[in-house]
């Protein structure tokens, strides 16, 4: 192997570590207990301080290893801590209290995966309802997005009519409008139509996207017009041409748009927060936000639910990733 090959592999390894490192840290941190999350310095693996039951003490006591002083090398249990001094006992001889400076000891840690973080999501919180809301909104919105965007792309790519290019340019110009600018008008329309506190209020406003129309139109421009003309000569209707010829040939671009749509809908936060007010209509991103209070944040549950929300998007990407390169590359070919 040439040195350039080694450099390429090193670059890819570093890039993979930079992209997947935070995800691995998230997954491991989701298995930590609340006390393990605030440990300093932080640890990569989920760990918890060892506690032992000592006679005459009602609750288990935390263990420390003494690093300096007269009792260096011993493992003692902490009874209480006042200022810079800690009162400790030997678990084997608990009748003799020992005073140790807090700087002369280290915690005795052990590996401990807090799987209860995931179990409590199903028991203490209405996680199934939040998951169903997200799955329903994402699935229906993605299907409608693929259907409506592909219809518009088919018309803009294969039909010649006056004003086709200005319409296409006007549609692309809407990409420059920030979503927050039209947030209030969209909400007023949804309120008039009775779509507030309703999953359909999240679905309908974003089913037609300029990005999706542009992606599919650019791909459909590569399809030969002679194929469509041959179908018309066989008395095929325009709907049949669209449904039986254009859509099957556009599968790579549709797969790319499906991945984008799933990520958009699954991770959408601002618009659902505005249009959904009742807790039973919340999606997973809104449920994640509910773990953050004014004074405290339940980080263990927040991290566990974040890991769960990543799984569907990861599965969709793994199933459709082979179409991404082909779809994006072909969308730029005219």
Protein backbone atom coordinates (compact mmCIF):
# COMPACT_ATOMS: atom_id res chain seq x y z
CA UNK A 1 0.00 0.00 0.00
CA UNK A 2 1.17 3.49 -0.86
CA UNK A 3 1.40 6.21 1.78
CA UNK A 4 -1.60 7.91 0.17
CA UNK A 5 -3.68 4.79 0.92
CA UNK A 6 -2.64 4.93 4.57
CA UNK A 7 -3.47 8.63 4.68
CA UNK A 8 -6.90 7.97 3.14
CA UNK A 9 -7.68 5.24 5.66
CA UNK A 10 -6.51 7.45 8.52
CA UNK A 11 -8.72 10.27 7.26
CA UNK A 12 -11.73 7.96 7.02
CA UNK A 13 -11.11 6.52 10.50
CA UNK A 14 -10.85 9.99 12.01
CA UNK A 15 -13.97 11.14 10.18
CA UNK A 16 -15.89 8.08 11.38
CA UNK A 17 -14.74 8.65 14.95
CA UNK A 18 -15.78 12.31 14.84
CA UNK A 19 -19.24 11.46 13.49
CA UNK A 20 -20.00 8.33 15.51
CA UNK A 21 -18.14 9.31 18.68
CA UNK A 22 -20.93 11.58 20.00
CA UNK A 23 -23.54 8.92 19.17
CA UNK A 24 -21.57 6.28 21.10
CA UNK A 25 -21.18 8.68 24.03
CA UNK A 26 -24.93 9.33 23.95
CA UNK A 27 -25.77 5.61 23.94
CA UNK A 28 -23.39 4.83 26.82
CA UNK A 29 -24.52 7.86 28.83
CA UNK A 30 -28.15 6.75 28.48
CA UNK A 31 -27.21 3.71 30.59
CA UNK A 32 -25.85 5.82 33.45
CA UNK A 33 -27.71 6.52 36.65
CA UNK A 34 -28.46 10.14 37.68
CA UNK A 35 -25.48 10.07 40.05
CA UNK A 36 -23.24 8.62 37.34
CA UNK A 37 -24.13 11.44 34.94
CA UNK A 38 -22.82 14.10 37.33
CA UNK A 39 -19.56 12.32 38.14
CA UNK A 40 -16.42 14.38 37.56
CA UNK A 41 -14.29 13.61 35.72
CA UNK A 42 -16.84 11.90 33.45
CA UNK A 43 -16.31 8.29 32.42
CA UNK A 44 -17.01 6.66 29.07
CA UNK A 45 -18.59 3.49 30.45
CA UNK A 46 -21.57 3.59 32.83
CA UNK A 47 -20.20 3.22 36.35
CA UNK A 48 -21.61 3.52 39.86
CA UNK A 49 -20.00 3.85 43.24
CA UNK A 50 -19.90 0.61 45.23
CA UNK A 51 -22.01 0.58 48.38
CA UNK A 52 -21.79 -1.96 51.20
CA UNK A 53 -24.04 -2.88 54.07
CA UNK A 54 -22.36 -2.20 57.41
CA UNK A 55 -23.75 -3.48 60.73
CA UNK A 56 -25.44 -0.83 62.93
CA UNK A 57 -26.03 1.43 59.90
CA UNK A 58 -29.51 1.29 58.32
CA UNK A 59 -28.49 2.28 54.78
CA UNK A 60 -25.66 0.99 52.54
CA UNK A 61 -22.54 3.18 52.76
CA UNK A 62 -20.37 4.31 49.82
CA UNK A 63 -16.88 2.82 49.56
CA UNK A 64 -13.66 4.82 49.11
CA UNK A 65 -10.07 3.77 48.62
CA UNK A 66 -7.63 5.73 50.79
CA UNK A 67 -4.69 7.07 48.75
CA UNK A 68 -2.56 8.87 51.36
CA UNK A 69 -1.96 9.14 55.07
CA UNK A 70 -1.96 6.56 57.83
CA UNK A 71 -4.67 4.42 56.26
CA UNK A 72 -3.35 4.49 52.69
CA UNK A 73 -4.36 1.41 50.69
CA UNK A 74 -7.40 0.60 52.85
CA UNK A 75 -10.98 0.51 51.58
CA UNK A 76 -13.31 2.34 53.96
CA UNK A 77 -16.99 3.25 53.99
CA UNK A 78 -18.11 6.84 54.47
CA UNK A 79 -20.48 7.56 57.35
CA UNK A 80 -20.66 11.33 56.98
CA UNK A 81 -18.73 14.26 55.52
CA UNK A 82 -18.34 17.62 57.19
CA UNK A 83 -16.28 20.22 55.35
CA UNK A 84 -12.91 18.80 54.29
CA UNK A 85 -13.03 15.86 56.72
CA UNK A 86 -14.97 12.63 56.34
CA UNK A 87 -15.88 10.16 59.05
CA UNK A 88 -15.31 6.65 57.79
CA UNK A 89 -15.34 3.11 59.11
CA UNK A 90 -13.76 -0.17 58.15
CA UNK A 91 -16.62 -2.50 57.05
CA UNK A 92 -14.85 -5.33 58.89
CA UNK A 93 -14.57 -3.28 62.14
CA UNK A 94 -17.34 -0.67 62.09
CA UNK A 95 -17.07 0.26 65.78
CA UNK A 96 -13.95 2.42 65.27
CA UNK A 97 -14.57 5.71 63.39
CA UNK A 98 -11.71 7.00 61.24
CA UNK A 99 -11.26 10.61 60.12
CA UNK A 100 -9.84 11.04 56.61
CA UNK A 101 -9.30 14.23 54.53
CA UNK A 102 -11.57 14.17 51.49
CA UNK A 103 -8.58 14.81 49.20
CA UNK A 104 -6.89 11.59 50.34
CA UNK A 105 -9.46 9.19 48.96
CA UNK A 106 -11.01 8.03 45.67
CA UNK A 107 -14.35 6.41 44.98
CA UNK A 108 -14.53 2.67 44.42
CA UNK A 109 -16.44 2.31 41.14
CA UNK A 110 -17.96 -0.65 39.35
CA UNK A 111 -19.61 -1.16 35.96
CA UNK A 112 -23.35 -0.68 36.22
CA UNK A 113 -25.79 -0.30 33.30
CA UNK A 114 -28.99 1.45 34.37
CA UNK A 115 -31.45 -0.37 32.10
CA UNK A 116 -34.22 1.05 34.25
CA UNK A 117 -33.85 4.28 32.30
CA UNK A 118 -35.49 2.53 29.36
CA UNK A 119 -37.94 0.50 31.43
CA UNK A 120 -39.24 3.57 33.24
CA UNK A 121 -40.05 5.21 29.90
CA UNK A 122 -42.72 2.58 29.35
CA UNK A 123 -43.97 2.49 32.93
CA UNK A 124 -43.83 6.09 34.21
CA UNK A 125 -44.42 7.96 30.95
CA UNK A 126 -46.89 7.56 28.09
CA UNK A 127 -44.04 6.67 25.74
CA UNK A 128 -46.18 4.43 23.54
CA UNK A 129 -48.56 7.31 22.78
CA UNK A 130 -45.69 9.67 21.88
CA UNK A 131 -44.12 7.00 19.68
CA UNK A 132 -47.40 6.29 17.87
CA UNK A 133 -47.97 10.01 17.23
CA UNK A 134 -44.51 10.38 15.71
CA UNK A 135 -44.83 7.21 13.62
CA UNK A 136 -48.29 8.21 12.33
CA UNK A 137 -47.29 11.77 11.44
CA UNK A 138 -44.01 10.71 9.84
CA UNK A 139 -45.51 7.86 7.80
CA UNK A 140 -48.56 9.74 6.49
CA UNK A 141 -46.59 12.94 5.80
CA UNK A 142 -43.88 11.01 3.93
CA UNK A 143 -46.43 9.19 1.74
CA UNK A 144 -48.24 12.43 0.91
CA UNK A 145 -44.94 14.21 0.29
CA UNK A 146 -43.81 11.56 -2.19
CA UNK A 147 -47.18 11.56 -3.96
CA UNK A 148 -47.74 15.31 -4.29
CA UNK A 149 -44.12 16.23 -4.99
CA UNK A 150 -43.78 13.56 -7.66
CA UNK A 151 -46.97 14.81 -9.37
CA UNK A 152 -45.66 18.37 -9.44
CA UNK A 153 -42.24 17.20 -10.63
CA UNK A 154 -43.82 15.12 -13.40
CA UNK A 155 -45.79 18.12 -14.65
CA UNK A 156 -42.80 20.48 -14.50
CA UNK A 157 -40.44 18.05 -16.22
CA UNK A 158 -42.53 16.34 -18.91
CA UNK A 159 -45.26 18.83 -19.84
CA UNK A 160 -44.57 21.92 -21.93
CA UNK A 161 -46.87 24.82 -21.11
CA UNK A 162 -46.61 28.58 -20.95
CA UNK A 163 -45.06 29.80 -17.73
CA UNK A 164 -43.46 26.49 -16.78
CA UNK A 165 -40.03 27.95 -16.03
CA UNK A 166 -41.34 31.01 -14.11
CA UNK A 167 -43.49 28.71 -11.97
CA UNK A 168 -40.49 26.51 -11.24
CA UNK A 169 -38.29 29.51 -10.37
CA UNK A 170 -41.03 30.98 -8.17
CA UNK A 171 -41.29 27.68 -6.34
CA UNK A 172 -37.52 27.59 -5.76
CA UNK A 173 -37.61 31.19 -4.53
CA UNK A 174 -39.77 30.08 -1.60
CA UNK A 175 -36.71 28.28 -0.23
CA UNK A 176 -35.31 31.68 0.72
CA UNK A 177 -38.25 32.41 3.03
CA UNK A 178 -37.42 31.41 6.64
CA UNK A 179 -40.05 29.08 8.15
CA UNK A 180 -40.47 31.42 11.13
CA UNK A 181 -41.76 34.16 8.81
CA UNK A 182 -44.84 32.13 7.85
CA UNK A 183 -45.29 30.51 11.26
CA UNK A 184 -48.11 32.83 12.40
CA UNK A 185 -50.05 32.75 9.06
CA UNK A 186 -49.82 28.97 9.03
CA UNK A 187 -51.14 28.79 12.58
CA UNK A 188 -54.05 31.11 11.80
CA UNK A 189 -54.99 28.97 8.80
CA UNK A 190 -54.73 25.78 10.87
CA UNK A 191 -56.91 27.34 13.58
CA UNK A 192 -59.59 28.38 11.09
CA UNK A 193 -59.61 24.86 9.60
CA UNK A 194 -59.81 23.25 13.03
CA UNK A 195 -56.44 21.51 12.74
CA UNK A 196 -54.98 22.63 16.07
CA UNK A 197 -54.36 19.86 18.63
CA UNK A 198 -54.67 17.46 15.72
CA UNK A 199 -51.95 15.37 14.00
CA UNK A 200 -53.26 16.52 10.61
CA UNK A 201 -52.32 20.06 11.57
CA UNK A 202 -48.69 18.92 11.57
CA UNK A 203 -49.01 16.85 8.39
CA UNK A 204 -50.75 19.09 5.85
CA UNK A 205 -48.71 22.34 5.96
CA UNK A 206 -45.47 20.67 4.85
CA UNK A 207 -46.47 17.88 2.46
CA UNK A 208 -45.46 19.92 -0.61
CA UNK A 209 -41.79 20.92 -0.34
CA UNK A 210 -39.78 22.88 -2.94
CA UNK A 211 -36.75 20.73 -2.18
CA UNK A 212 -38.66 17.55 -2.99
CA UNK A 213 -40.11 18.94 -6.21
CA UNK A 214 -36.68 20.15 -7.34
CA UNK A 215 -35.01 16.82 -6.55
CA UNK A 216 -37.63 14.75 -8.38
CA UNK A 217 -37.92 17.14 -11.33
CA UNK A 218 -34.19 17.05 -11.98
CA UNK A 219 -34.24 13.27 -11.90
CA UNK A 220 -37.31 12.97 -14.15
CA UNK A 221 -35.63 15.19 -16.76
CA UNK A 222 -33.23 12.28 -17.35
CA UNK A 223 -36.08 9.93 -18.32
CA UNK A 224 -36.43 9.63 -22.12
CA UNK A 225 -39.46 11.36 -23.60
CA UNK A 226 -39.67 8.66 -26.28
CA UNK A 227 -40.68 6.15 -23.62
CA UNK A 228 -43.63 8.30 -22.59
CA UNK A 229 -44.63 8.94 -26.21
CA UNK A 230 -44.60 5.21 -26.89
CA UNK A 231 -46.95 4.70 -23.94
CA UNK A 232 -49.29 7.40 -25.25
CA UNK A 233 -49.35 5.68 -28.65
CA UNK A 234 -50.53 2.55 -26.83
CA UNK A 235 -53.46 4.58 -25.47
CA UNK A 236 -52.05 4.79 -21.94
CA UNK A 237 -53.61 7.54 -19.88
CA UNK A 238 -51.50 10.24 -18.28
CA UNK A 239 -52.19 8.79 -14.83
CA UNK A 240 -51.09 5.34 -15.99
CA UNK A 241 -47.90 6.78 -17.49
CA UNK A 242 -47.18 8.54 -14.21
CA UNK A 243 -48.05 5.56 -12.01
CA UNK A 244 -46.67 2.65 -14.08
CA UNK A 245 -43.67 4.23 -15.84
CA UNK A 246 -42.44 7.43 -14.24
CA UNK A 247 -42.70 6.43 -10.58
CA UNK A 248 -40.96 3.02 -10.94
CA UNK A 249 -38.11 4.61 -12.90
CA UNK A 250 -37.76 7.35 -10.25
CA UNK A 251 -37.24 4.98 -7.32
CA UNK A 252 -33.69 6.23 -6.48
CA UNK A 253 -34.84 9.85 -6.24
CA UNK A 254 -37.98 8.82 -4.34
CA UNK A 255 -35.83 6.89 -1.86
CA UNK A 256 -33.68 9.96 -1.24
CA UNK A 257 -36.73 12.15 -0.75
CA UNK A 258 -38.24 9.53 1.57
CA UNK A 259 -35.15 9.63 3.78
CA UNK A 260 -35.19 13.41 3.87
CA UNK A 261 -38.91 13.48 4.60
CA UNK A 262 -38.61 10.97 7.44
CA UNK A 263 -35.80 13.00 9.03
CA UNK A 264 -37.73 16.27 8.60
CA UNK A 265 -40.96 14.96 10.11
CA UNK A 266 -39.40 12.79 12.81
CA UNK A 267 -37.17 15.56 14.16
CA UNK A 268 -39.57 18.49 13.63
CA UNK A 269 -40.03 20.48 16.82
CA UNK A 270 -41.08 24.10 16.23
CA UNK A 271 -44.29 23.62 14.23
CA UNK A 272 -45.63 20.71 16.36
CA UNK A 273 -44.90 22.77 19.49
CA UNK A 274 -47.02 25.61 18.08
CA UNK A 275 -49.97 23.60 16.75
CA UNK A 276 -50.14 20.80 19.36
CA UNK A 277 -51.21 21.86 22.84
CA UNK A 278 -52.54 18.70 24.50
CA UNK A 279 -50.09 16.23 26.03
CA UNK A 280 -51.73 13.22 24.36
CA UNK A 281 -50.99 14.67 20.92
CA UNK A 282 -47.28 15.28 21.57
CA UNK A 283 -44.62 13.76 19.34
CA UNK A 284 -41.32 12.39 20.63
CA UNK A 285 -39.37 15.69 20.24
CA UNK A 286 -42.04 17.47 22.30
CA UNK A 287 -41.95 14.68 24.88
CA UNK A 288 -38.17 15.09 25.10
CA UNK A 289 -38.66 18.76 25.84
CA UNK A 290 -41.00 17.91 28.72
CA UNK A 291 -38.11 16.31 30.63
CA UNK A 292 -36.49 19.74 30.96
CA UNK A 293 -37.97 21.61 33.90
CA UNK A 294 -37.34 25.11 35.17
CA UNK A 295 -35.08 23.91 38.00
CA UNK A 296 -34.10 20.32 37.19
CA UNK A 297 -33.63 18.15 34.12
CA UNK A 298 -34.09 14.38 34.13
CA UNK A 299 -30.99 13.69 32.07
CA UNK A 300 -31.13 9.90 32.37
CA UNK A 301 -34.63 9.72 30.86
CA UNK A 302 -33.83 12.45 28.35
CA UNK A 303 -30.80 10.56 27.02
CA UNK A 304 -32.64 7.23 26.94
CA UNK A 305 -35.53 8.67 24.93
CA UNK A 306 -33.08 10.41 22.60
CA UNK A 307 -31.48 7.04 21.81
CA UNK A 308 -34.90 5.53 21.12
CA UNK A 309 -35.81 8.38 18.76
CA UNK A 310 -32.62 7.76 16.76
CA UNK A 311 -33.43 4.12 16.03
CA UNK A 312 -36.21 4.55 13.39
CA UNK A 313 -34.26 7.13 11.39
CA UNK A 314 -31.17 4.93 11.49
CA UNK A 315 -33.15 1.90 10.27
CA UNK A 316 -34.72 3.87 7.40
CA UNK A 317 -31.31 5.20 6.38
CA UNK A 318 -29.76 1.71 6.48
CA UNK A 319 -32.52 0.28 4.27
CA UNK A 320 -32.44 3.07 1.68
CA UNK A 321 -28.82 4.23 1.80
CA UNK A 322 -27.84 2.39 -1.39
CA UNK A 323 -30.17 4.71 -3.33
CA UNK A 324 -28.78 7.93 -1.88
CA UNK A 325 -25.69 8.30 -4.05
CA UNK A 326 -27.48 7.31 -7.23
CA UNK A 327 -30.47 9.53 -6.51
CA UNK A 328 -28.53 12.65 -5.57
CA UNK A 329 -26.04 12.23 -8.42
CA UNK A 330 -28.77 11.74 -11.01
CA UNK A 331 -30.77 14.71 -9.70
CA UNK A 332 -28.03 17.03 -10.88
CA UNK A 333 -27.89 15.58 -14.41
CA UNK A 334 -30.11 17.35 -16.87
